[in-house]
Amino acid sequence: QVQLVESGGGLVQAGGSLRLSCVASAMIYRMGWYRQAPGKQRELVATITRGGTRNYADSVKGRFTISRDSAKNTVYLQMNSLTPEDTAVYYCYAKPSIMNPVDYWGQGTQVTVSL
């Protein structure tokens, strides 16, 4: 069982920035972030593997940057140029092993972007 602890959400004005962090209780192959806005399905934001391969949703490319500190089992999401469309609950995601189909999720952190 992997525990994920998220932090860094909050309220910000459009054009502002926030940084999310997620600490895992074990070494993880792939970590990342998904988000879910009211009335919408959960969607990919960004993921990063232990080797540093990154994957971004088109809607955040050029604005968001995902990084990780593998020694600390921590993933970060730097979010710049935020818009109200980025408002959602952001969930940390972890796949401990490429050979294991089980995924783990954090409890979610609210990000609200106001005009």
C-alpha atoms as a PDB file:
ATOM      1  CA  GLN A   1       0.000   0.000   0.000  1.00  0.00           C
ATOM      2  CA  VAL A   2       1.362   3.395  -1.027  1.00  0.00           C
ATOM      3  CA  GLN A   3       0.388   6.563   0.789  1.00  0.00           C
ATOM      4  CA  LEU A   4       0.357   9.879  -1.057  1.00  0.00           C
ATOM      5  CA  VAL A   5       0.282  13.231   0.725  1.00  0.00           C
ATOM      6  CA  GLU A   6      -0.465  16.316  -1.340  1.00  0.00           C
ATOM      7  CA  SER A   7       0.015  19.975  -0.525  1.00  0.00           C
ATOM      8  CA  GLY A   8       0.061  23.363  -2.204  1.00  0.00           C
ATOM      9  CA  GLY A   9      -3.450  23.961  -3.459  1.00  0.00           C
ATOM     10  CA  GLY A  10      -5.332  27.178  -2.863  1.00  0.00           C
ATOM     11  CA  LEU A  11      -6.929  30.252  -4.343  1.00  0.00           C
ATOM     12  CA  VAL A  12      -5.086  32.391  -6.874  1.00  0.00           C
ATOM     13  CA  GLN A  13      -5.984  35.099  -9.340  1.00  0.00           C
ATOM     14  CA  ALA A  14      -5.859  34.489 -13.062  1.00  0.00           C
ATOM     15  CA  GLY A  15      -2.324  34.818 -14.329  1.00  0.00           C
ATOM     16  CA  GLY A  16      -0.885  33.704 -11.025  1.00  0.00           C
ATOM     17  CA  SER A  17       1.117  30.665 -10.031  1.00  0.00           C
ATOM     18  CA  LEU A  18       0.874  27.765  -7.632  1.00  0.00           C
ATOM     19  CA  ARG A  19       3.127  24.833  -6.827  1.00  0.00           C
ATOM     20  CA  LEU A  20       1.739  21.457  -5.840  1.00  0.00           C
ATOM     21  CA  SER A  21       3.751  18.798  -4.037  1.00  0.00           C
ATOM     22  CA  CYS A  22       3.074  15.130  -3.432  1.00  0.00           C
ATOM     23  CA  VAL A  23       5.128  12.845  -1.224  1.00  0.00           C
ATOM     24  CA  ALA A  24       4.900   9.078  -1.642  1.00  0.00           C
ATOM     25  CA  SER A  25       5.597   6.536   1.072  1.00  0.00           C
ATOM     26  CA  ALA A  26       7.635   4.352  -1.298  1.00  0.00           C
ATOM     27  CA  MET A  27       9.702   4.439  -4.452  1.00  0.00           C
ATOM     28  CA  ILE A  28       7.494   5.009  -7.481  1.00  0.00           C
ATOM     29  CA  TYR A  29       7.993   4.282 -11.171  1.00  0.00           C
ATOM     30  CA  ARG A  30       5.606   6.945 -12.487  1.00  0.00           C
ATOM     31  CA  MET A  31       4.097   9.850 -10.575  1.00  0.00           C
ATOM     32  CA  GLY A  32       1.952  12.691 -11.690  1.00  0.00           C
ATOM     33  CA  TRP A  33      -1.188  14.743 -11.452  1.00  0.00           C
ATOM     34  CA  TYR A  34      -4.734  14.440 -12.669  1.00  0.00           C
ATOM     35  CA  ARG A  35      -7.540  16.908 -12.114  1.00  0.00           C
ATOM     36  CA  GLN A  36     -11.298  16.886 -11.953  1.00  0.00           C
ATOM     37  CA  ALA A  37     -13.485  19.937 -12.401  1.00  0.00           C
ATOM     38  CA  PRO A  38     -17.121  19.978 -11.273  1.00  0.00           C
ATOM     39  CA  GLY A  39     -19.292  18.001 -13.659  1.00  0.00           C
ATOM     40  CA  LYS A  40     -16.317  16.726 -15.649  1.00  0.00           C
ATOM     41  CA  GLN A  41     -14.323  13.539 -15.791  1.00  0.00           C
ATOM     42  CA  ARG A  42     -10.922  13.236 -14.203  1.00  0.00           C
ATOM     43  CA  GLU A  43      -8.250  14.118 -16.742  1.00  0.00           C
ATOM     44  CA  LEU A  44      -4.513  13.848 -17.070  1.00  0.00           C
ATOM     45  CA  VAL A  45      -2.459  16.918 -16.261  1.00  0.00           C
ATOM     46  CA  ALA A  46       1.112  15.615 -16.295  1.00  0.00           C
ATOM     47  CA  THR A  47       3.179  12.573 -15.389  1.00  0.00           C
ATOM     48  CA  ILE A  48       6.857  11.852 -14.991  1.00  0.00           C
ATOM     49  CA  THR A  49       8.735   8.571 -14.766  1.00  0.00           C
ATOM     50  CA  ARG A  50      11.666   7.762 -12.552  1.00  0.00           C
ATOM     51  CA  GLY A  51      13.844   8.166 -15.644  1.00  0.00           C
ATOM     52  CA  GLY A  52      12.520  11.679 -16.223  1.00  0.00           C
ATOM     53  CA  THR A  53      10.177  11.072 -19.150  1.00  0.00           C
ATOM     54  CA  ARG A  54       7.414  13.680 -18.992  1.00  0.00           C
ATOM     55  CA  ASN A  55       3.926  13.685 -20.439  1.00  0.00           C
ATOM     56  CA  TYR A  56       1.647  16.738 -20.445  1.00  0.00           C
ATOM     57  CA  ALA A  57      -1.930  17.420 -21.397  1.00  0.00           C
ATOM     58  CA  ASP A  58      -2.097  19.793 -24.361  1.00  0.00           C
ATOM     59  CA  SER A  59      -4.054  22.283 -22.286  1.00  0.00           C
ATOM     60  CA  VAL A  60      -1.160  22.822 -19.855  1.00  0.00           C
ATOM     61  CA  LYS A  61       1.874  22.578 -22.123  1.00  0.00           C
ATOM     62  CA  GLY A  62       4.064  25.646 -21.818  1.00  0.00           C
ATOM     63  CA  ARG A  63       2.396  26.699 -18.548  1.00  0.00           C
ATOM     64  CA  PHE A  64       2.868  23.768 -16.180  1.00  0.00           C
ATOM     65  CA  THR A  65       6.101  21.972 -15.331  1.00  0.00           C
ATOM     66  CA  ILE A  66       6.320  18.621 -13.602  1.00  0.00           C
ATOM     67  CA  SER A  67       9.445  17.547 -11.767  1.00  0.00           C
ATOM     68  CA  ARG A  68      10.438  14.996  -9.180  1.00  0.00           C
ATOM     69  CA  ASP A  69      12.962  14.349  -6.483  1.00  0.00           C
ATOM     70  CA  SER A  70      13.313  10.581  -6.531  1.00  0.00           C
ATOM     71  CA  ALA A  71      15.453  10.565  -3.403  1.00  0.00           C
ATOM     72  CA  LYS A  72      12.504  12.098  -1.546  1.00  0.00           C
ATOM     73  CA  ASN A  73       9.787  10.180  -3.449  1.00  0.00           C
ATOM     74  CA  THR A  74       8.284  13.574  -4.228  1.00  0.00           C
ATOM     75  CA  VAL A  75       6.694  15.025  -7.339  1.00  0.00           C
ATOM     76  CA  TYR A  76       6.064  18.707  -7.960  1.00  0.00           C
ATOM     77  CA  LEU A  77       3.767  20.570 -10.317  1.00  0.00           C
ATOM     78  CA  GLN A  78       4.654  24.184 -10.999  1.00  0.00           C
ATOM     79  CA  MET A  79       1.608  25.894 -12.456  1.00  0.00           C
ATOM     80  CA  ASN A  80       2.049  29.281 -14.122  1.00  0.00           C
ATOM     81  CA  SER A  81      -0.291  31.554 -16.068  1.00  0.00           C
ATOM     82  CA  LEU A  82      -3.286  29.979 -14.391  1.00  0.00           C
ATOM     83  CA  THR A  83      -6.745  30.558 -15.821  1.00  0.00           C
ATOM     84  CA  PRO A  84     -10.210  29.901 -14.380  1.00  0.00           C
ATOM     85  CA  GLU A  85     -10.333  26.801 -16.609  1.00  0.00           C
ATOM     86  CA  ASP A  86      -7.613  25.300 -14.415  1.00  0.00           C
ATOM     87  CA  THR A  87      -9.957  25.315 -11.430  1.00  0.00           C
ATOM     88  CA  ALA A  88     -10.341  21.730 -10.231  1.00  0.00           C
ATOM     89  CA  VAL A  89      -9.428  19.234  -7.574  1.00  0.00           C
ATOM     90  CA  TYR A  90      -5.920  18.030  -8.362  1.00  0.00           C
ATOM     91  CA  TYR A  91      -5.064  14.440  -7.501  1.00  0.00           C
ATOM     92  CA  CYS A  92      -1.618  13.012  -7.102  1.00  0.00           C
ATOM     93  CA  TYR A  93      -1.153   9.761  -8.985  1.00  0.00           C
ATOM     94  CA  ALA A  94       1.400   7.010  -8.522  1.00  0.00           C
ATOM     95  CA  LYS A  95       2.202   3.799 -10.340  1.00  0.00           C
ATOM     96  CA  PRO A  96       4.761   2.003  -8.213  1.00  0.00           C
ATOM     97  CA  SER A  97       5.874  -0.433 -10.889  1.00  0.00           C
ATOM     98  CA  ILE A  98       5.490  -0.799 -14.624  1.00  0.00           C
ATOM     99  CA  MET A  99       4.797  -4.489 -14.000  1.00  0.00           C
ATOM    100  CA  ASN A 100       1.989  -3.810 -11.532  1.00  0.00           C
ATOM    101  CA  PRO A 101      -1.383  -2.569 -12.841  1.00  0.00           C
ATOM    102  CA  VAL A 102      -2.331  -1.066  -9.478  1.00  0.00           C
ATOM    103  CA  ASP A 103      -2.408   2.730  -9.292  1.00  0.00           C
ATOM    104  CA  TYR A 104      -2.630   4.890  -6.196  1.00  0.00           C
ATOM    105  CA  TRP A 105      -4.300   8.245  -5.669  1.00  0.00           C
ATOM    106  CA  GLY A 106      -3.968  11.067  -3.209  1.00  0.00           C
ATOM    107  CA  GLN A 107      -6.905  12.639  -1.426  1.00  0.00           C
ATOM    108  CA  GLY A 108      -6.960  15.644  -3.748  1.00  0.00           C
ATOM    109  CA  THR A 109      -6.171  19.305  -3.297  1.00  0.00           C
ATOM    110  CA  GLN A 110      -8.394  22.135  -4.475  1.00  0.00           C
ATOM    111  CA  VAL A 111      -7.052  24.705  -6.910  1.00  0.00           C
ATOM    112  CA  THR A 112      -9.296  27.683  -7.550  1.00  0.00           C
ATOM    113  CA  VAL A 113      -8.419  30.392 -10.051  1.00  0.00           C
ATOM    114  CA  SER A 114     -10.454  33.580  -9.901  1.00  0.00           C
ATOM    115  CA  LEU A 115     -10.803  36.302 -12.496  1.00  0.00           C
END
